[in-house]
N, C-alpha and C. Protein backbone atom coordinates (compact mmCIF):
# COMPACT_ATOMS: atom_id res chain seq x y z
N UNK A 1 101.25 94.12 121.39
CA UNK A 1 101.81 95.38 120.85
C UNK A 1 100.56 96.00 119.98
N UNK A 2 100.16 95.15 119.17
CA UNK A 2 99.06 95.58 118.23
C UNK A 2 97.70 96.32 118.95
N UNK A 3 97.42 95.89 120.28
CA UNK A 3 96.43 96.49 121.07
C UNK A 3 96.96 97.94 121.35
N UNK A 4 98.18 98.05 121.77
CA UNK A 4 98.66 99.33 121.96
C UNK A 4 98.70 100.34 120.97
N UNK A 5 99.17 99.81 119.88
CA UNK A 5 99.09 100.70 118.52
C UNK A 5 97.61 101.12 118.38
N UNK A 6 96.78 100.11 118.31
CA UNK A 6 95.35 100.61 117.95
C UNK A 6 94.71 101.56 119.07
N UNK A 7 95.18 101.11 120.28
CA UNK A 7 94.78 102.28 121.25
C UNK A 7 95.13 103.75 121.05
N UNK A 8 96.48 103.75 120.66
CA UNK A 8 97.09 104.95 120.26
C UNK A 8 96.35 105.69 119.12
N UNK A 9 96.04 104.83 118.16
CA UNK A 9 95.21 105.50 116.95
C UNK A 9 93.82 105.78 117.47
N UNK A 10 93.24 104.96 118.20
CA UNK A 10 91.94 105.60 118.82
C UNK A 10 91.98 106.75 119.45
N UNK A 11 93.12 106.95 120.39
CA UNK A 11 93.10 108.17 121.13
C UNK A 11 93.48 109.42 120.26
N UNK A 12 94.26 109.32 119.21
CA UNK A 12 94.53 110.18 118.24
C UNK A 12 93.29 110.58 117.57
N UNK A 13 92.43 109.60 116.94
CA UNK A 13 91.29 109.88 116.38
C UNK A 13 90.26 110.67 117.36
N UNK A 14 90.22 110.15 118.62
CA UNK A 14 89.37 110.97 119.52
C UNK A 14 89.71 112.39 119.61
N UNK A 15 91.05 112.60 119.82
CA UNK A 15 91.61 113.97 120.00
C UNK A 15 91.06 114.92 118.72
N UNK A 16 91.29 114.23 117.62
CA UNK A 16 90.86 114.91 116.26
C UNK A 16 89.34 115.22 116.23
N UNK A 17 88.56 114.22 116.75
CA UNK A 17 87.22 114.32 116.76
C UNK A 17 86.72 115.56 117.60
N UNK A 18 87.42 115.70 119.03
CA UNK A 18 87.13 116.80 119.89
C UNK A 18 87.44 117.94 119.14
N UNK A 19 88.62 118.04 118.48
CA UNK A 19 88.94 119.46 117.77
C UNK A 19 87.97 119.69 116.82
N UNK A 20 87.46 118.65 115.99
CA UNK A 20 86.53 119.10 115.08
C UNK A 20 85.19 119.73 115.69
N UNK A 21 84.74 119.02 116.82
CA UNK A 21 83.66 119.54 117.47
C UNK A 21 83.88 120.91 117.89
N UNK A 22 85.06 121.13 118.40
CA UNK A 22 85.33 122.53 118.82
C UNK A 22 85.25 123.69 117.79
N UNK A 23 85.77 123.21 116.65
CA UNK A 23 85.80 124.12 115.45
C UNK A 23 84.28 124.15 114.93
N UNK A 24 83.57 123.36 115.11
CA UNK A 24 82.07 123.43 114.53
C UNK A 24 81.16 124.05 115.57
N UNK A 25 81.49 124.00 116.74
CA UNK A 25 80.55 124.36 117.93
C UNK A 25 80.08 125.63 117.87
N UNK A 26 80.77 126.63 117.35
CA UNK A 26 80.39 128.02 117.21
C UNK A 26 79.57 128.36 115.99
N UNK A 27 79.51 127.25 114.94
CA UNK A 27 78.92 127.45 113.83
C UNK A 27 77.65 126.63 113.54
N UNK A 28 77.34 126.03 114.28
CA UNK A 28 75.94 125.11 114.43
C UNK A 28 75.51 124.90 115.71
N UNK A 29 74.07 124.78 115.77
CA UNK A 29 73.36 124.43 116.93
C UNK A 29 73.83 123.11 117.54
N UNK A 30 73.91 123.10 118.86
CA UNK A 30 74.78 121.94 119.60
C UNK A 30 74.06 120.52 119.04
N UNK A 31 72.69 120.59 119.27
CA UNK A 31 72.08 119.37 119.10
C UNK A 31 71.98 118.94 117.52
N UNK A 32 71.93 119.96 116.62
CA UNK A 32 72.10 119.73 115.24
C UNK A 32 73.36 119.24 114.97
N UNK A 33 74.44 119.67 115.57
CA UNK A 33 75.87 119.24 115.24
C UNK A 33 76.04 117.77 115.79
N UNK A 34 75.41 117.52 116.93
CA UNK A 34 75.51 116.04 117.46
C UNK A 34 74.69 115.10 116.66
N UNK A 35 73.58 115.57 116.13
CA UNK A 35 72.88 114.61 115.29
C UNK A 35 73.65 114.42 113.94
N UNK A 36 74.34 115.30 113.26
CA UNK A 36 74.97 115.21 112.09
C UNK A 36 76.17 114.26 112.39
N UNK A 37 76.80 114.46 113.47
CA UNK A 37 78.05 113.74 113.83
C UNK A 37 77.51 112.30 113.90
N UNK A 38 76.68 112.08 114.49
CA UNK A 38 76.12 110.63 114.70
C UNK A 38 75.56 110.02 113.50
N UNK A 39 74.97 110.84 112.60
CA UNK A 39 74.56 110.34 111.24
C UNK A 39 75.90 109.91 110.43
N UNK A 40 76.78 110.73 110.45
CA UNK A 40 78.12 110.41 109.86
C UNK A 40 78.68 109.22 110.35
N UNK A 41 78.69 109.09 111.60
CA UNK A 41 79.19 107.85 112.19
C UNK A 41 78.42 106.65 111.79
N UNK A 42 77.22 106.51 111.53
CA UNK A 42 76.36 105.38 111.22
C UNK A 42 76.80 105.09 109.72
N UNK A 43 76.98 105.94 108.76
CA UNK A 43 77.23 105.82 107.53
C UNK A 43 78.78 105.12 107.43
N UNK A 44 79.56 105.96 108.03
CA UNK A 44 80.93 105.39 108.07
C UNK A 44 81.13 104.07 108.65
N UNK A 45 80.46 103.73 109.81
CA UNK A 45 80.70 102.57 110.45
C UNK A 45 79.98 101.44 109.61
N UNK A 46 78.77 101.65 108.96
CA UNK A 46 77.95 100.74 108.34
C UNK A 46 78.91 100.38 106.89
N UNK A 47 79.35 101.39 106.37
CA UNK A 47 80.35 101.10 105.26
C UNK A 47 81.52 100.37 105.57
N UNK A 48 82.13 100.60 106.65
CA UNK A 48 83.40 100.02 107.06
C UNK A 48 83.08 98.41 107.35
N UNK A 49 81.89 98.26 108.02
CA UNK A 49 81.19 96.96 108.41
C UNK A 49 80.91 96.16 107.15
N UNK A 50 80.40 96.70 106.14
CA UNK A 50 80.09 95.94 104.86
C UNK A 50 81.27 95.81 104.21
N UNK A 51 82.43 96.26 104.17
CA UNK A 51 83.69 96.01 103.52
C UNK A 51 84.28 94.98 104.24
N UNK A 52 84.56 95.21 105.43
CA UNK A 52 85.34 94.28 106.29
C UNK A 52 84.62 92.72 106.47
N UNK A 53 83.15 92.80 106.60
CA UNK A 53 82.49 91.61 106.84
C UNK A 53 82.87 90.75 105.84
N UNK A 54 82.73 91.04 104.61
CA UNK A 54 83.13 90.03 103.53
C UNK A 54 82.45 88.84 103.65
N UNK A 55 81.05 88.74 103.86
CA UNK A 55 80.35 87.45 103.91
C UNK A 55 80.60 86.68 105.04
N UNK A 56 81.32 86.99 105.94
CA UNK A 56 81.44 86.32 107.12
C UNK A 56 80.06 86.34 107.93
N UNK A 57 79.76 85.24 108.72
CA UNK A 57 78.54 85.13 109.40
C UNK A 57 78.72 86.20 110.63
N UNK A 58 77.43 86.57 111.11
CA UNK A 58 77.43 87.47 112.18
C UNK A 58 77.59 86.74 113.48
N UNK A 59 78.40 87.14 114.32
CA UNK A 59 78.70 86.62 115.69
C UNK A 59 78.31 87.50 116.85
N UNK A 60 77.23 87.16 117.63
CA UNK A 60 76.84 88.06 118.62
C UNK A 60 76.04 87.43 119.59
N UNK A 61 75.90 87.86 120.85
CA UNK A 61 75.05 87.31 121.99
C UNK A 61 74.11 88.50 122.33
N UNK A 62 73.19 88.11 123.05
CA UNK A 62 72.13 89.24 123.33
C UNK A 62 72.99 90.07 124.39
N UNK A 63 73.91 89.52 125.16
CA UNK A 63 74.60 90.48 126.09
C UNK A 63 75.42 91.26 125.36
N UNK A 64 76.08 90.87 124.35
CA UNK A 64 76.92 91.72 123.42
C UNK A 64 76.11 92.83 122.84
N UNK A 65 74.83 92.46 122.45
CA UNK A 65 74.00 93.71 121.86
C UNK A 65 73.71 94.55 122.90
N UNK A 66 73.26 94.17 124.10
CA UNK A 66 72.84 95.09 125.09
C UNK A 66 73.93 96.06 125.41
N UNK A 67 75.22 95.33 125.48
CA UNK A 67 76.38 96.37 126.00
C UNK A 67 76.74 97.26 124.77
N UNK A 68 76.64 96.79 123.57
CA UNK A 68 76.81 97.60 122.44
C UNK A 68 75.96 98.78 122.43
N UNK A 69 74.55 98.64 122.73
CA UNK A 69 73.50 99.46 122.67
C UNK A 69 73.72 100.63 123.92
N UNK A 70 74.32 100.13 125.03
CA UNK A 70 74.50 100.91 126.12
C UNK A 70 75.84 101.88 125.78
N UNK A 71 76.89 101.22 125.15
CA UNK A 71 77.93 101.98 124.70
C UNK A 71 77.50 103.09 123.67
N UNK A 72 76.61 102.86 122.90
CA UNK A 72 76.09 103.78 121.81
C UNK A 72 75.36 104.95 122.50
N UNK A 73 74.47 104.36 123.66
CA UNK A 73 73.86 105.43 124.36
C UNK A 73 74.87 106.52 125.15
N UNK A 74 75.80 106.00 125.57
CA UNK A 74 76.98 106.88 126.35
C UNK A 74 77.70 107.68 125.28
N UNK A 75 78.05 107.03 124.08
CA UNK A 75 78.85 108.00 123.25
C UNK A 75 78.02 109.09 122.58
N UNK A 76 76.69 108.68 122.33
CA UNK A 76 75.68 109.56 121.90
C UNK A 76 75.69 110.86 122.87
N UNK A 77 75.48 110.48 124.14
CA UNK A 77 75.27 111.65 125.16
C UNK A 77 76.71 112.33 125.40
N UNK A 78 77.81 111.73 125.37
CA UNK A 78 79.10 112.20 125.36
C UNK A 78 79.41 113.36 124.21
N UNK A 79 78.83 112.87 123.00
CA UNK A 79 79.00 113.64 121.78
C UNK A 79 78.09 114.98 122.20
N UNK A 80 76.73 114.91 122.54
CA UNK A 80 76.03 116.00 122.71
C UNK A 80 76.49 116.90 123.83
N UNK A 81 77.15 116.37 124.91
CA UNK A 81 77.64 117.24 125.93
C UNK A 81 78.89 117.89 125.35
N UNK A 82 79.81 117.25 124.66
CA UNK A 82 81.01 117.83 123.96
C UNK A 82 80.66 118.87 123.20
N UNK A 83 79.60 118.93 122.23
CA UNK A 83 79.22 120.11 121.58
C UNK A 83 78.86 121.21 122.57
N UNK A 84 77.93 120.93 123.59
CA UNK A 84 77.66 122.11 124.54
C UNK A 84 79.09 122.57 125.13
N UNK A 85 79.94 121.63 125.55
CA UNK A 85 81.15 121.99 126.19
C UNK A 85 81.83 123.06 125.27
N UNK A 86 82.15 122.57 124.00
CA UNK A 86 83.03 123.42 123.17
C UNK A 86 82.25 124.71 122.59
N UNK A 87 80.88 124.76 122.73
CA UNK A 87 80.18 125.97 122.34
C UNK A 87 80.47 127.24 123.39
N UNK A 88 81.01 126.54 124.68
CA UNK A 88 81.43 127.58 125.68
C UNK A 88 82.86 128.25 125.35
N UNK A 89 83.17 129.16 126.13
CA UNK A 89 84.50 129.74 125.99
C UNK A 89 85.47 128.83 126.62
N UNK A 90 85.70 127.66 126.20
CA UNK A 90 86.79 126.68 126.59
C UNK A 90 87.51 126.33 125.29
N UNK A 91 89.00 126.67 125.86
CA UNK A 91 89.97 126.11 124.70
C UNK A 91 90.12 124.54 124.60
N UNK A 92 90.36 124.35 123.31
CA UNK A 92 90.50 122.69 123.13
C UNK A 92 91.44 122.15 124.15
N UNK A 93 92.63 122.81 124.31
CA UNK A 93 93.74 122.32 125.26
C UNK A 93 93.11 121.94 126.61
N UNK A 94 92.35 122.98 127.07
CA UNK A 94 91.43 122.60 128.48
C UNK A 94 90.47 121.69 128.28
N UNK A 95 89.58 121.79 127.39
CA UNK A 95 88.48 120.84 127.24
C UNK A 95 88.91 119.61 126.85
N UNK A 96 89.76 119.35 125.91
CA UNK A 96 90.25 118.10 125.62
C UNK A 96 90.89 117.37 126.69
N UNK A 97 91.88 118.23 127.45
CA UNK A 97 92.38 117.52 128.45
C UNK A 97 91.41 117.09 129.84
N UNK A 98 90.46 117.98 130.06
CA UNK A 98 89.56 117.46 131.16
C UNK A 98 88.64 116.44 130.60
N UNK A 99 88.26 116.17 129.43
CA UNK A 99 87.41 115.09 128.89
C UNK A 99 88.37 113.93 128.86
N UNK A 100 89.61 113.84 128.36
CA UNK A 100 90.50 112.65 128.37
C UNK A 100 90.87 112.38 129.86
N UNK A 101 91.19 113.51 130.68
CA UNK A 101 91.53 113.12 131.99
C UNK A 101 90.28 112.51 132.77
N UNK A 102 89.11 112.87 132.57
CA UNK A 102 87.94 112.15 133.18
C UNK A 102 87.66 110.75 132.61
N UNK A 103 87.92 110.72 131.46
CA UNK A 103 87.81 109.31 130.74
C UNK A 103 88.88 108.44 131.49
N UNK A 104 90.11 108.81 131.76
CA UNK A 104 91.14 108.02 132.36
C UNK A 104 90.72 107.74 133.72
N UNK A 105 90.35 108.63 134.35
CA UNK A 105 90.11 108.51 136.11
C UNK A 105 88.82 107.71 136.19
N UNK A 106 87.67 107.92 135.42
CA UNK A 106 86.57 107.04 135.35
C UNK A 106 86.69 105.70 134.98
N UNK A 107 87.37 105.60 133.86
CA UNK A 107 87.71 104.27 133.29
C UNK A 107 88.56 103.36 134.45
N UNK A 108 89.61 103.97 134.87
CA UNK A 108 90.27 103.28 135.83
C UNK A 108 89.33 103.00 137.14
N UNK A 109 88.42 103.70 137.49
CA UNK A 109 87.59 103.58 138.60
C UNK A 109 86.63 102.41 138.38
N UNK A 110 86.18 102.54 137.14
CA UNK A 110 85.18 101.33 136.72
C UNK A 110 85.95 100.11 136.53
N UNK A 111 87.11 100.04 136.10
CA UNK A 111 88.02 98.78 136.01
C UNK A 111 88.12 98.27 137.31
N UNK A 112 88.44 99.06 138.26
CA UNK A 112 88.74 98.47 139.50
C UNK A 112 87.39 98.04 140.31
N UNK A 113 86.37 98.70 140.29
CA UNK A 113 85.04 98.29 141.02
C UNK A 113 84.38 97.31 140.17
N UNK A 114 84.39 97.45 138.82
CA UNK A 114 83.56 96.35 138.05
C UNK A 114 84.38 95.23 137.92
N UNK A 115 85.47 95.32 137.40
CA UNK A 115 86.25 94.12 136.92
C UNK A 115 87.29 93.64 137.98
N UNK A 116 87.15 94.48 139.17
CA UNK A 116 88.12 94.02 140.43
C UNK A 116 89.43 93.91 140.08
N UNK A 117 89.90 94.77 139.13
CA UNK A 117 91.35 94.72 138.84
C UNK A 117 92.19 95.24 139.90
N UNK A 118 93.18 94.80 140.16
CA UNK A 118 94.32 95.33 141.12
C UNK A 118 94.93 96.71 140.53
N UNK A 119 95.05 97.57 141.46
CA UNK A 119 95.92 98.91 141.06
C UNK A 119 97.35 98.76 141.68
N UNK A 120 98.27 98.85 141.04
CA UNK A 120 99.68 98.83 141.52
C UNK A 120 100.02 100.25 142.02
N UNK A 121 101.03 100.34 142.76
CA UNK A 121 101.33 101.64 143.15
C UNK A 121 101.75 102.64 141.99
N UNK A 122 102.24 101.96 141.16
CA UNK A 122 102.70 102.87 139.86
C UNK A 122 101.37 103.40 139.14
N UNK A 123 100.38 102.53 139.07
CA UNK A 123 99.02 102.91 138.46
C UNK A 123 98.36 103.91 139.36
N UNK A 124 98.40 103.79 140.70
CA UNK A 124 97.85 104.89 141.52
C UNK A 124 98.58 106.13 141.33
N UNK A 125 99.84 106.08 141.31
CA UNK A 125 100.67 107.40 141.07
C UNK A 125 100.26 107.92 139.61
N UNK A 126 100.09 107.10 138.70
CA UNK A 126 99.62 107.57 137.21
C UNK A 126 98.17 108.31 137.29
N UNK A 127 97.34 107.73 138.12
CA UNK A 127 95.92 108.48 138.40
C UNK A 127 96.16 109.67 139.04
N UNK A 128 97.13 109.66 140.18
CA UNK A 128 97.24 111.06 140.78
C UNK A 128 97.86 112.04 139.93
N UNK A 129 98.78 111.57 139.06
CA UNK A 129 99.46 112.59 138.08
C UNK A 129 98.42 113.01 137.06
N UNK A 130 97.68 112.33 136.70
CA UNK A 130 96.63 112.57 135.57
C UNK A 130 95.63 113.76 136.20
N UNK A 131 95.27 113.34 137.35
CA UNK A 131 94.32 114.36 138.20
C UNK A 131 94.97 115.58 138.40
N UNK A 132 96.19 115.67 138.94
CA UNK A 132 97.17 116.86 139.09
C UNK A 132 97.23 117.60 137.62
N UNK A 133 97.50 116.77 136.64
CA UNK A 133 97.60 117.36 135.18
C UNK A 133 96.39 118.13 134.78
N UNK A 134 95.20 117.41 135.04
CA UNK A 134 93.78 118.15 134.64
C UNK A 134 93.69 119.55 135.52
N UNK A 135 93.94 119.41 136.81
CA UNK A 135 93.79 120.46 137.56
C UNK A 135 94.59 121.63 137.02
N UNK A 136 96.09 121.39 136.74
CA UNK A 136 96.86 122.36 136.20
C UNK A 136 96.61 122.94 135.08
N UNK A 137 96.07 122.19 134.21
CA UNK A 137 95.85 122.69 132.84
C UNK A 137 94.56 123.49 132.76
N UNK A 138 93.63 123.10 133.62
CA UNK A 138 92.31 123.79 133.69
C UNK A 138 92.33 124.93 134.66
N UNK A 139 93.41 125.08 135.52
CA UNK A 139 93.58 126.30 136.41
C UNK A 139 93.60 127.81 135.72
N UNK A 140 92.72 128.58 136.20
CA UNK A 140 92.98 130.03 135.70
C UNK A 140 93.51 131.09 136.67
N UNK A 141 94.33 131.92 136.29
CA UNK A 141 94.90 132.75 137.17
C UNK A 141 93.88 133.70 137.56
N UNK A 142 93.79 134.23 138.85
CA UNK A 142 93.12 135.18 139.57
C UNK A 142 91.64 135.15 139.08
């Protein structure tokens, strides 16, 4: 249950992040906005790390470091693309839905192919509904 609550909090924070990117995108050059966003993330992350660490020894492997750096690369690129996305004439409801929908679809695909997870009929139906939802929300009349 704790994992689900944390996942819901992370999803809420990601939605707020995307809304903040949309609000700033028309008032700042995209790359500058992404750099500032990442600089603030470093300061906040380091601050929380120093408070939570509380003298505990650091535990890591080289594999863990490599994947953490890869995650940092992907999130940095995602932030840059998000600034460019929201500097266009796209509403937050459409942009956030497409970003989150693609996150779900690609995440499930990677889980299936990378971790060899089984997909149940209800999960496949969920994937289809997410895809239909993304299409319906981003659909423009005429």
